[in-house]
Amino acid sequence: MKIENLYTSAACNRTSNAVDWNVSLNIIAFGNYNSVSLARDQGGSWQIFRTLCGHQGKVCALKWVKGSCVNTFSLVSASDDGTMILWTFRNLEDIPISTVLDSGKKCGISNVDALIDQTGQLTIVGGLKDSFVEVWKKQNECGRSQGNAEFGQKFLFSC
C-alpha cells in the first residue's frame, strides 16, 4: 500500500513578524500556531514541505539568519513561551539541528533578528513583550557550535 500526502493546509499566525522569505533559497517560513512551516514554489504553487516543532506557545516572530556560512543556513523562531529556537540546516532534505535559547524569563517574544558577522559570530536579538531586549552571541555558528550562548539584556523603549 502506498501512502502519499495529497493536500496540506496551514494558516499563518496573526502577528506581523510571523513570516519571513529567504529570497536566495526561495523559501517562505511562517508561524503556524506553535510550529514553523516552510513552503516553497512547486511549479507555480506554493506548498509546505517541512514543519518544525519545538515551541510550547504561539510562534510570534521568525527570521532567516543574515550572513554566509559554508554548507549551512539558519532560521530563528520566537514564541509566547519566552523561547527562541535556532534551526540550522545542512540542506533542505535533512531534519535541522535545533538549539533552544531560553533566558529563563516567561515573557513572550514579539520580534527577532539575527546575523552572522565576518568573524563567524552569530548574534540573535529578541524584543520581549515586557519591554526588554535579549541578545545572544555564539561564536562559530557555521555548523561548529562552541559552548553555550551568552545572554545579555538592555531596556527596550518601543517594540
N, C-alpha and C. Protein backbone atom coordinates (compact mmCIF):
# COMPACT_ATOMS: atom_id res chain seq x y z
N MET A 1 0.84 -1.17 0.00
CA MET A 1 0.00 0.00 0.00
C MET A 1 0.89 1.24 0.00
N LYS A 2 0.63 2.18 -0.88
CA LYS A 2 1.39 3.42 -0.96
C LYS A 2 0.58 4.54 -0.30
N ILE A 3 1.25 5.29 0.57
CA ILE A 3 0.60 6.41 1.24
C ILE A 3 1.31 7.68 0.81
N GLU A 4 0.54 8.69 0.40
CA GLU A 4 1.12 9.95 0.00
C GLU A 4 0.23 11.10 0.46
N ASN A 5 0.85 12.25 0.67
CA ASN A 5 0.12 13.44 1.07
C ASN A 5 -0.46 14.12 -0.16
N LEU A 6 -1.76 14.33 -0.18
CA LEU A 6 -2.40 14.95 -1.32
C LEU A 6 -2.60 16.45 -1.13
N TYR A 7 -2.77 16.87 0.14
CA TYR A 7 -3.05 18.28 0.39
C TYR A 7 -2.67 18.63 1.82
N THR A 8 -2.04 19.79 2.01
CA THR A 8 -1.72 20.29 3.34
C THR A 8 -2.21 21.73 3.43
N SER A 9 -2.88 22.05 4.52
CA SER A 9 -3.37 23.40 4.73
C SER A 9 -2.88 23.89 6.08
N ALA A 10 -2.43 25.14 6.13
CA ALA A 10 -1.99 25.74 7.38
C ALA A 10 -2.23 27.24 7.29
N ALA A 11 -2.49 27.86 8.43
CA ALA A 11 -2.73 29.30 8.47
C ALA A 11 -1.59 29.97 9.22
N CYS A 12 -1.18 31.12 8.74
CA CYS A 12 -0.13 31.89 9.40
C CYS A 12 -0.69 32.56 10.65
N ASN A 13 0.10 32.58 11.72
CA ASN A 13 -0.31 33.25 12.95
C ASN A 13 -0.57 34.73 12.69
N ARG A 14 -1.47 35.31 13.47
CA ARG A 14 -1.88 36.70 13.28
C ARG A 14 -0.95 37.66 14.01
N THR A 15 0.33 37.60 13.72
CA THR A 15 1.31 38.56 14.22
C THR A 15 2.15 39.02 13.04
N SER A 16 2.51 40.29 13.06
CA SER A 16 3.16 40.88 11.89
C SER A 16 4.57 40.33 11.62
N ASN A 17 5.20 39.72 12.61
CA ASN A 17 6.56 39.22 12.43
C ASN A 17 6.63 37.70 12.28
N ALA A 18 5.50 37.07 12.02
CA ALA A 18 5.45 35.60 11.97
C ALA A 18 5.71 35.03 10.58
N VAL A 19 6.31 35.82 9.69
CA VAL A 19 6.62 35.31 8.35
C VAL A 19 7.91 35.96 7.85
N ASP A 20 8.74 35.18 7.14
CA ASP A 20 9.95 35.72 6.52
C ASP A 20 10.27 34.89 5.28
N TRP A 21 10.81 35.56 4.27
CA TRP A 21 11.10 34.93 2.99
C TRP A 21 12.61 34.91 2.78
N ASN A 22 13.17 33.74 2.55
CA ASN A 22 14.57 33.59 2.19
C ASN A 22 14.62 33.64 0.66
N VAL A 23 14.98 34.78 0.13
CA VAL A 23 14.94 35.01 -1.32
C VAL A 23 15.92 34.09 -2.05
N SER A 24 17.12 33.91 -1.51
CA SER A 24 18.12 33.10 -2.21
C SER A 24 17.71 31.63 -2.30
N LEU A 25 17.03 31.11 -1.28
CA LEU A 25 16.54 29.73 -1.31
C LEU A 25 15.12 29.61 -1.86
N ASN A 26 14.44 30.76 -2.00
CA ASN A 26 13.05 30.82 -2.43
C ASN A 26 12.15 29.97 -1.50
N ILE A 27 12.32 30.21 -0.19
CA ILE A 27 11.54 29.52 0.83
C ILE A 27 10.87 30.55 1.72
N ILE A 28 9.60 30.35 2.00
CA ILE A 28 8.87 31.17 2.95
C ILE A 28 8.70 30.37 4.23
N ALA A 29 9.05 30.99 5.36
CA ALA A 29 8.83 30.38 6.67
C ALA A 29 7.74 31.19 7.37
N PHE A 30 6.80 30.50 8.02
CA PHE A 30 5.75 31.21 8.75
C PHE A 30 5.33 30.44 9.99
N GLY A 31 4.92 31.21 11.01
CA GLY A 31 4.44 30.61 12.24
C GLY A 31 3.06 30.01 12.03
N ASN A 32 2.90 28.78 12.46
CA ASN A 32 1.65 28.05 12.32
C ASN A 32 1.31 27.49 13.70
N TYR A 33 0.63 28.30 14.51
CA TYR A 33 0.38 28.13 15.93
C TYR A 33 1.71 27.93 16.66
N ASN A 34 2.02 26.75 17.20
CA ASN A 34 3.27 26.59 17.95
C ASN A 34 4.37 25.89 17.13
N SER A 35 4.24 25.91 15.83
CA SER A 35 5.26 25.33 14.96
C SER A 35 5.61 26.32 13.85
N VAL A 36 6.63 25.97 13.07
CA VAL A 36 7.06 26.78 11.94
C VAL A 36 6.88 25.95 10.68
N SER A 37 6.20 26.50 9.69
CA SER A 37 6.02 25.80 8.42
C SER A 37 6.94 26.42 7.37
N LEU A 38 7.52 25.57 6.53
CA LEU A 38 8.37 26.01 5.43
C LEU A 38 7.68 25.66 4.12
N ALA A 39 7.58 26.64 3.24
CA ALA A 39 6.91 26.43 1.95
C ALA A 39 7.84 26.87 0.83
N ARG A 40 7.72 26.20 -0.32
CA ARG A 40 8.50 26.58 -1.50
C ARG A 40 7.63 26.47 -2.74
N ASP A 41 8.06 27.16 -3.78
CA ASP A 41 7.34 27.17 -5.05
C ASP A 41 7.54 25.82 -5.73
N GLN A 42 6.43 25.18 -6.05
CA GLN A 42 6.45 23.89 -6.74
C GLN A 42 5.74 24.05 -8.09
N GLY A 43 6.39 24.72 -9.02
CA GLY A 43 5.82 24.90 -10.34
C GLY A 43 4.61 25.83 -10.37
N GLY A 44 4.72 26.98 -9.69
CA GLY A 44 3.65 27.96 -9.71
C GLY A 44 2.70 27.88 -8.52
N SER A 45 2.87 26.89 -7.67
CA SER A 45 2.02 26.72 -6.49
C SER A 45 2.92 26.55 -5.26
N TRP A 46 2.67 27.35 -4.23
CA TRP A 46 3.46 27.25 -3.00
C TRP A 46 2.95 26.09 -2.17
N GLN A 47 3.88 25.23 -1.74
CA GLN A 47 3.49 24.06 -0.95
C GLN A 47 4.37 23.93 0.27
N ILE A 48 3.77 23.52 1.38
CA ILE A 48 4.51 23.27 2.61
C ILE A 48 5.28 21.96 2.43
N PHE A 49 6.58 22.01 2.72
CA PHE A 49 7.39 20.79 2.59
C PHE A 49 8.01 20.36 3.91
N ARG A 50 7.92 21.20 4.96
CA ARG A 50 8.50 20.85 6.25
C ARG A 50 7.79 21.63 7.34
N THR A 51 7.57 20.98 8.49
CA THR A 51 7.03 21.63 9.68
C THR A 51 8.01 21.39 10.82
N LEU A 52 8.41 22.48 11.48
CA LEU A 52 9.37 22.43 12.57
C LEU A 52 8.63 22.60 13.89
N CYS A 53 8.73 21.62 14.76
CA CYS A 53 8.04 21.63 16.05
C CYS A 53 9.04 21.79 17.18
N GLY A 54 8.65 22.51 18.23
CA GLY A 54 9.55 22.67 19.37
C GLY A 54 9.07 23.71 20.37
N HIS A 55 8.24 24.63 19.94
CA HIS A 55 7.74 25.66 20.84
C HIS A 55 6.51 25.15 21.59
N GLN A 56 6.33 25.66 22.82
CA GLN A 56 5.14 25.34 23.60
C GLN A 56 4.05 26.40 23.41
N GLY A 57 4.44 27.63 23.05
CA GLY A 57 3.50 28.72 22.83
C GLY A 57 3.43 29.10 21.37
N LYS A 58 2.55 30.04 21.07
CA LYS A 58 2.35 30.51 19.70
C LYS A 58 3.62 31.17 19.17
N VAL A 59 4.02 30.84 17.94
CA VAL A 59 5.19 31.45 17.30
C VAL A 59 4.79 32.87 16.88
N CYS A 60 5.49 33.87 17.45
CA CYS A 60 5.17 35.28 17.19
C CYS A 60 6.12 35.95 16.22
N ALA A 61 7.33 35.41 16.07
CA ALA A 61 8.33 36.04 15.21
C ALA A 61 9.30 35.00 14.70
N LEU A 62 9.80 35.23 13.49
CA LEU A 62 10.86 34.39 12.95
C LEU A 62 11.63 35.17 11.92
N LYS A 63 12.87 34.73 11.70
CA LYS A 63 13.76 35.44 10.78
C LYS A 63 14.83 34.49 10.28
N TRP A 64 15.07 34.52 8.96
CA TRP A 64 16.21 33.81 8.40
C TRP A 64 17.47 34.56 8.82
N VAL A 65 18.52 33.85 9.20
CA VAL A 65 19.76 34.47 9.66
C VAL A 65 20.48 35.06 8.46
N LYS A 66 20.86 36.34 8.60
CA LYS A 66 21.61 37.02 7.54
C LYS A 66 23.10 36.72 7.72
N GLY A 67 23.80 36.58 6.62
CA GLY A 67 25.23 36.27 6.66
C GLY A 67 25.48 34.97 5.94
N SER A 68 26.72 34.65 5.78
CA SER A 68 27.03 33.46 5.00
C SER A 68 27.75 32.41 5.82
N CYS A 69 27.36 31.19 5.64
CA CYS A 69 28.04 30.03 6.20
C CYS A 69 28.22 29.03 5.07
N VAL A 70 29.31 28.32 5.11
CA VAL A 70 29.56 27.31 4.10
C VAL A 70 28.68 26.10 4.39
N ASN A 71 27.85 25.71 3.45
CA ASN A 71 27.03 24.50 3.51
C ASN A 71 25.95 24.48 4.59
N THR A 72 25.63 25.60 5.22
CA THR A 72 24.52 25.63 6.17
C THR A 72 23.73 26.92 6.01
N PHE A 73 22.51 26.91 6.50
CA PHE A 73 21.69 28.11 6.61
C PHE A 73 20.81 27.94 7.84
N SER A 74 20.40 29.07 8.43
CA SER A 74 19.70 29.01 9.71
C SER A 74 18.48 29.90 9.73
N LEU A 75 17.56 29.55 10.63
CA LEU A 75 16.31 30.27 10.87
C LEU A 75 16.15 30.38 12.38
N VAL A 76 15.67 31.53 12.86
CA VAL A 76 15.38 31.71 14.27
C VAL A 76 13.89 31.93 14.42
N SER A 77 13.26 31.20 15.36
CA SER A 77 11.84 31.41 15.66
C SER A 77 11.70 31.76 17.13
N ALA A 78 10.69 32.58 17.46
CA ALA A 78 10.46 33.03 18.83
C ALA A 78 8.98 32.90 19.14
N SER A 79 8.67 32.64 20.40
CA SER A 79 7.26 32.39 20.72
C SER A 79 6.82 33.02 22.04
N ASP A 80 5.52 32.87 22.30
CA ASP A 80 4.90 33.36 23.53
C ASP A 80 5.41 32.63 24.77
N ASP A 81 6.04 31.47 24.61
CA ASP A 81 6.55 30.75 25.77
C ASP A 81 7.89 31.32 26.26
N GLY A 82 8.41 32.35 25.60
CA GLY A 82 9.64 33.01 26.03
C GLY A 82 10.90 32.37 25.50
N THR A 83 10.79 31.46 24.56
CA THR A 83 11.98 30.82 24.00
C THR A 83 12.19 31.23 22.54
N MET A 84 13.44 31.14 22.12
CA MET A 84 13.80 31.23 20.72
C MET A 84 14.45 29.92 20.35
N ILE A 85 14.23 29.48 19.12
CA ILE A 85 14.88 28.27 18.63
C ILE A 85 15.68 28.63 17.39
N LEU A 86 16.95 28.23 17.39
CA LEU A 86 17.81 28.37 16.22
C LEU A 86 17.76 27.06 15.48
N TRP A 87 17.25 27.09 14.25
CA TRP A 87 17.15 25.90 13.39
C TRP A 87 18.29 25.98 12.38
N THR A 88 19.21 25.03 12.39
CA THR A 88 20.35 25.03 11.47
C THR A 88 20.20 23.86 10.50
N PHE A 89 20.20 24.19 9.21
CA PHE A 89 20.00 23.22 8.15
C PHE A 89 21.32 22.96 7.42
N ARG A 90 21.60 21.72 7.10
CA ARG A 90 22.73 21.38 6.22
C ARG A 90 22.24 21.40 4.77
N ASN A 91 21.01 20.93 4.57
CA ASN A 91 20.34 21.03 3.28
C ASN A 91 18.84 20.94 3.54
N LEU A 92 18.03 21.15 2.51
CA LEU A 92 16.59 21.20 2.71
C LEU A 92 15.95 19.84 2.96
N GLU A 93 16.65 18.78 2.66
CA GLU A 93 16.08 17.45 2.81
C GLU A 93 16.29 16.87 4.21
N ASP A 94 17.34 17.31 4.90
CA ASP A 94 17.63 16.80 6.24
C ASP A 94 16.79 17.50 7.30
N ILE A 95 16.62 16.84 8.43
CA ILE A 95 15.97 17.46 9.58
C ILE A 95 16.97 18.43 10.20
N PRO A 96 16.55 19.67 10.50
CA PRO A 96 17.51 20.65 11.02
C PRO A 96 17.91 20.35 12.47
N ILE A 97 19.07 20.86 12.84
CA ILE A 97 19.54 20.79 14.23
C ILE A 97 18.89 21.98 14.95
N SER A 98 18.24 21.73 16.08
CA SER A 98 17.59 22.81 16.81
C SER A 98 18.34 23.10 18.11
N THR A 99 18.51 24.39 18.40
CA THR A 99 19.13 24.85 19.64
C THR A 99 18.15 25.80 20.31
N VAL A 100 17.70 25.46 21.52
CA VAL A 100 16.74 26.30 22.24
C VAL A 100 17.51 27.35 23.03
N LEU A 101 17.13 28.61 22.84
CA LEU A 101 17.70 29.74 23.58
C LEU A 101 16.64 30.20 24.57
N ASP A 102 16.88 30.01 25.85
CA ASP A 102 15.91 30.34 26.88
C ASP A 102 16.61 31.09 28.00
N SER A 103 16.19 32.32 28.25
CA SER A 103 16.81 33.13 29.29
C SER A 103 16.23 32.84 30.67
N GLY A 104 15.17 32.06 30.72
CA GLY A 104 14.51 31.79 31.99
C GLY A 104 13.32 32.69 32.24
N LYS A 105 13.19 33.78 31.48
CA LYS A 105 12.02 34.66 31.62
C LYS A 105 10.84 34.00 30.92
N LYS A 106 9.69 34.13 31.49
CA LYS A 106 8.49 33.55 30.88
C LYS A 106 7.64 34.63 30.23
N CYS A 107 8.30 35.46 29.44
CA CYS A 107 7.64 36.54 28.73
C CYS A 107 7.72 36.26 27.24
N GLY A 108 6.63 36.50 26.53
CA GLY A 108 6.61 36.28 25.09
C GLY A 108 7.58 37.18 24.35
N ILE A 109 8.01 36.72 23.19
CA ILE A 109 8.95 37.46 22.35
C ILE A 109 8.20 37.91 21.11
N SER A 110 8.19 39.23 20.86
CA SER A 110 7.38 39.77 19.77
C SER A 110 8.14 39.97 18.47
N ASN A 111 9.47 40.11 18.52
CA ASN A 111 10.24 40.24 17.29
C ASN A 111 11.65 39.71 17.49
N VAL A 112 12.30 39.38 16.38
CA VAL A 112 13.62 38.76 16.43
C VAL A 112 14.39 39.13 15.17
N ASP A 113 15.71 39.22 15.31
CA ASP A 113 16.58 39.41 14.16
C ASP A 113 17.90 38.68 14.45
N ALA A 114 18.62 38.32 13.40
CA ALA A 114 19.85 37.55 13.58
C ALA A 114 20.78 37.76 12.40
N LEU A 115 22.08 37.74 12.69
CA LEU A 115 23.06 37.82 11.61
C LEU A 115 24.36 37.16 12.04
N ILE A 116 25.13 36.76 11.06
CA ILE A 116 26.47 36.22 11.26
C ILE A 116 27.44 37.23 10.67
N ASP A 117 28.39 37.70 11.50
CA ASP A 117 29.34 38.70 11.00
C ASP A 117 30.51 38.03 10.28
N GLN A 118 31.49 38.84 9.88
CA GLN A 118 32.62 38.36 9.09
C GLN A 118 33.50 37.38 9.86
N THR A 119 33.47 37.43 11.20
CA THR A 119 34.29 36.54 12.01
C THR A 119 33.59 35.21 12.30
N GLY A 120 32.33 35.08 11.88
CA GLY A 120 31.58 33.85 12.13
C GLY A 120 30.76 33.89 13.41
N GLN A 121 30.71 35.04 14.07
CA GLN A 121 29.93 35.15 15.30
C GLN A 121 28.46 35.40 14.96
N LEU A 122 27.60 34.60 15.54
CA LEU A 122 26.16 34.75 15.38
C LEU A 122 25.64 35.64 16.50
N THR A 123 24.84 36.64 16.14
CA THR A 123 24.17 37.49 17.12
C THR A 123 22.67 37.40 16.86
N ILE A 124 21.91 37.08 17.91
CA ILE A 124 20.45 37.00 17.83
C ILE A 124 19.89 38.01 18.82
N VAL A 125 18.94 38.82 18.36
CA VAL A 125 18.32 39.83 19.20
C VAL A 125 16.82 39.57 19.22
N GLY A 126 16.25 39.55 20.43
CA GLY A 126 14.81 39.33 20.57
C GLY A 126 14.17 40.43 21.38
N GLY A 127 13.08 41.00 20.88
CA GLY A 127 12.32 42.01 21.60
C GLY A 127 11.21 41.34 22.39
N LEU A 128 11.26 41.45 23.72
CA LEU A 128 10.28 40.81 24.58
C LEU A 128 9.07 41.71 24.81
N LYS A 129 7.96 41.10 25.13
CA LYS A 129 6.73 41.86 25.35
C LYS A 129 6.73 42.64 26.65
N ASP A 130 7.74 42.43 27.51
CA ASP A 130 7.84 43.20 28.76
C ASP A 130 8.82 44.36 28.63
N SER A 131 9.08 44.81 27.40
CA SER A 131 9.90 45.98 27.09
C SER A 131 11.40 45.77 27.29
N PHE A 132 11.88 44.56 27.20
CA PHE A 132 13.31 44.29 27.26
C PHE A 132 13.77 43.70 25.93
N VAL A 133 15.06 43.83 25.67
CA VAL A 133 15.69 43.19 24.52
C VAL A 133 16.69 42.19 25.05
N GLU A 134 16.67 40.98 24.53
CA GLU A 134 17.65 39.97 24.88
C GLU A 134 18.59 39.79 23.71
N VAL A 135 19.88 39.64 24.03
CA VAL A 135 20.90 39.48 23.00
C VAL A 135 21.69 38.20 23.30
N TRP A 136 21.75 37.31 22.32
CA TRP A 136 22.55 36.10 22.42
C TRP A 136 23.69 36.21 21.42
N LYS A 137 24.86 35.77 21.81
CA LYS A 137 26.01 35.72 20.89
C LYS A 137 26.59 34.33 20.96
N LYS A 138 26.92 33.82 19.80
CA LYS A 138 27.51 32.49 19.72
C LYS A 138 28.61 32.51 18.68
N GLN A 139 29.79 32.05 19.05
CA GLN A 139 30.94 32.07 18.14
C GLN A 139 30.89 30.86 17.21
N ASN A 140 31.34 31.04 16.00
CA ASN A 140 31.48 29.95 15.02
C ASN A 140 30.17 29.20 14.80
N GLU A 141 29.13 29.92 14.39
CA GLU A 141 27.82 29.31 14.21
C GLU A 141 27.71 28.52 12.91
N CYS A 142 28.67 28.65 12.04
CA CYS A 142 28.61 27.98 10.74
C CYS A 142 28.79 26.47 10.89
N GLY A 143 27.92 25.82 11.63
CA GLY A 143 27.95 24.39 11.78
C GLY A 143 28.90 23.89 12.85
N ARG A 144 29.64 24.76 13.54
CA ARG A 144 30.60 24.36 14.55
C ARG A 144 30.29 25.10 15.85
N SER A 145 29.36 24.57 16.61
CA SER A 145 28.97 25.19 17.86
C SER A 145 30.07 25.03 18.89
N GLN A 146 30.40 26.12 19.56
CA GLN A 146 31.43 26.07 20.61
C GLN A 146 30.88 26.70 21.87
N GLY A 147 30.44 25.89 22.82
CA GLY A 147 29.96 26.39 24.10
C GLY A 147 28.52 26.85 24.05
N ASN A 148 28.09 27.45 25.15
CA ASN A 148 26.72 27.93 25.30
C ASN A 148 26.59 29.35 24.79
N ALA A 149 25.37 29.71 24.43
CA ALA A 149 25.09 31.08 24.01
C ALA A 149 25.20 32.01 25.21
N GLU A 150 25.80 33.19 24.99
CA GLU A 150 25.89 34.18 26.04
C GLU A 150 24.62 35.01 26.06
N PHE A 151 24.23 35.48 27.23
CA PHE A 151 23.00 36.23 27.38
C PHE A 151 23.28 37.63 27.93
N GLY A 152 22.61 38.64 27.39
CA GLY A 152 22.70 39.99 27.90
C GLY A 152 21.34 40.67 27.77
N GLN A 153 21.12 41.77 28.51
CA GLN A 153 19.81 42.43 28.50
C GLN A 153 19.96 43.94 28.45
N LYS A 154 19.13 44.60 27.67
CA LYS A 154 19.06 46.06 27.61
C LYS A 154 17.59 46.45 27.63
N PHE A 155 17.29 47.68 28.09
CA PHE A 155 15.91 48.15 28.13
C PHE A 155 15.43 48.51 26.73
N LEU A 156 14.21 48.15 26.41
CA LEU A 156 13.61 48.43 25.10
C LEU A 156 12.61 49.55 25.25
N PHE A 157 12.78 50.64 24.50
CA PHE A 157 11.88 51.78 24.60
C PHE A 157 10.60 51.59 23.80
N SER A 158 10.66 50.94 22.67
CA SER A 158 9.45 50.65 21.90
C SER A 158 9.64 49.36 21.16
N CYS A 159 8.52 48.69 20.90
CA CYS A 159 8.61 47.40 20.26
C CYS A 159 7.56 47.30 19.17
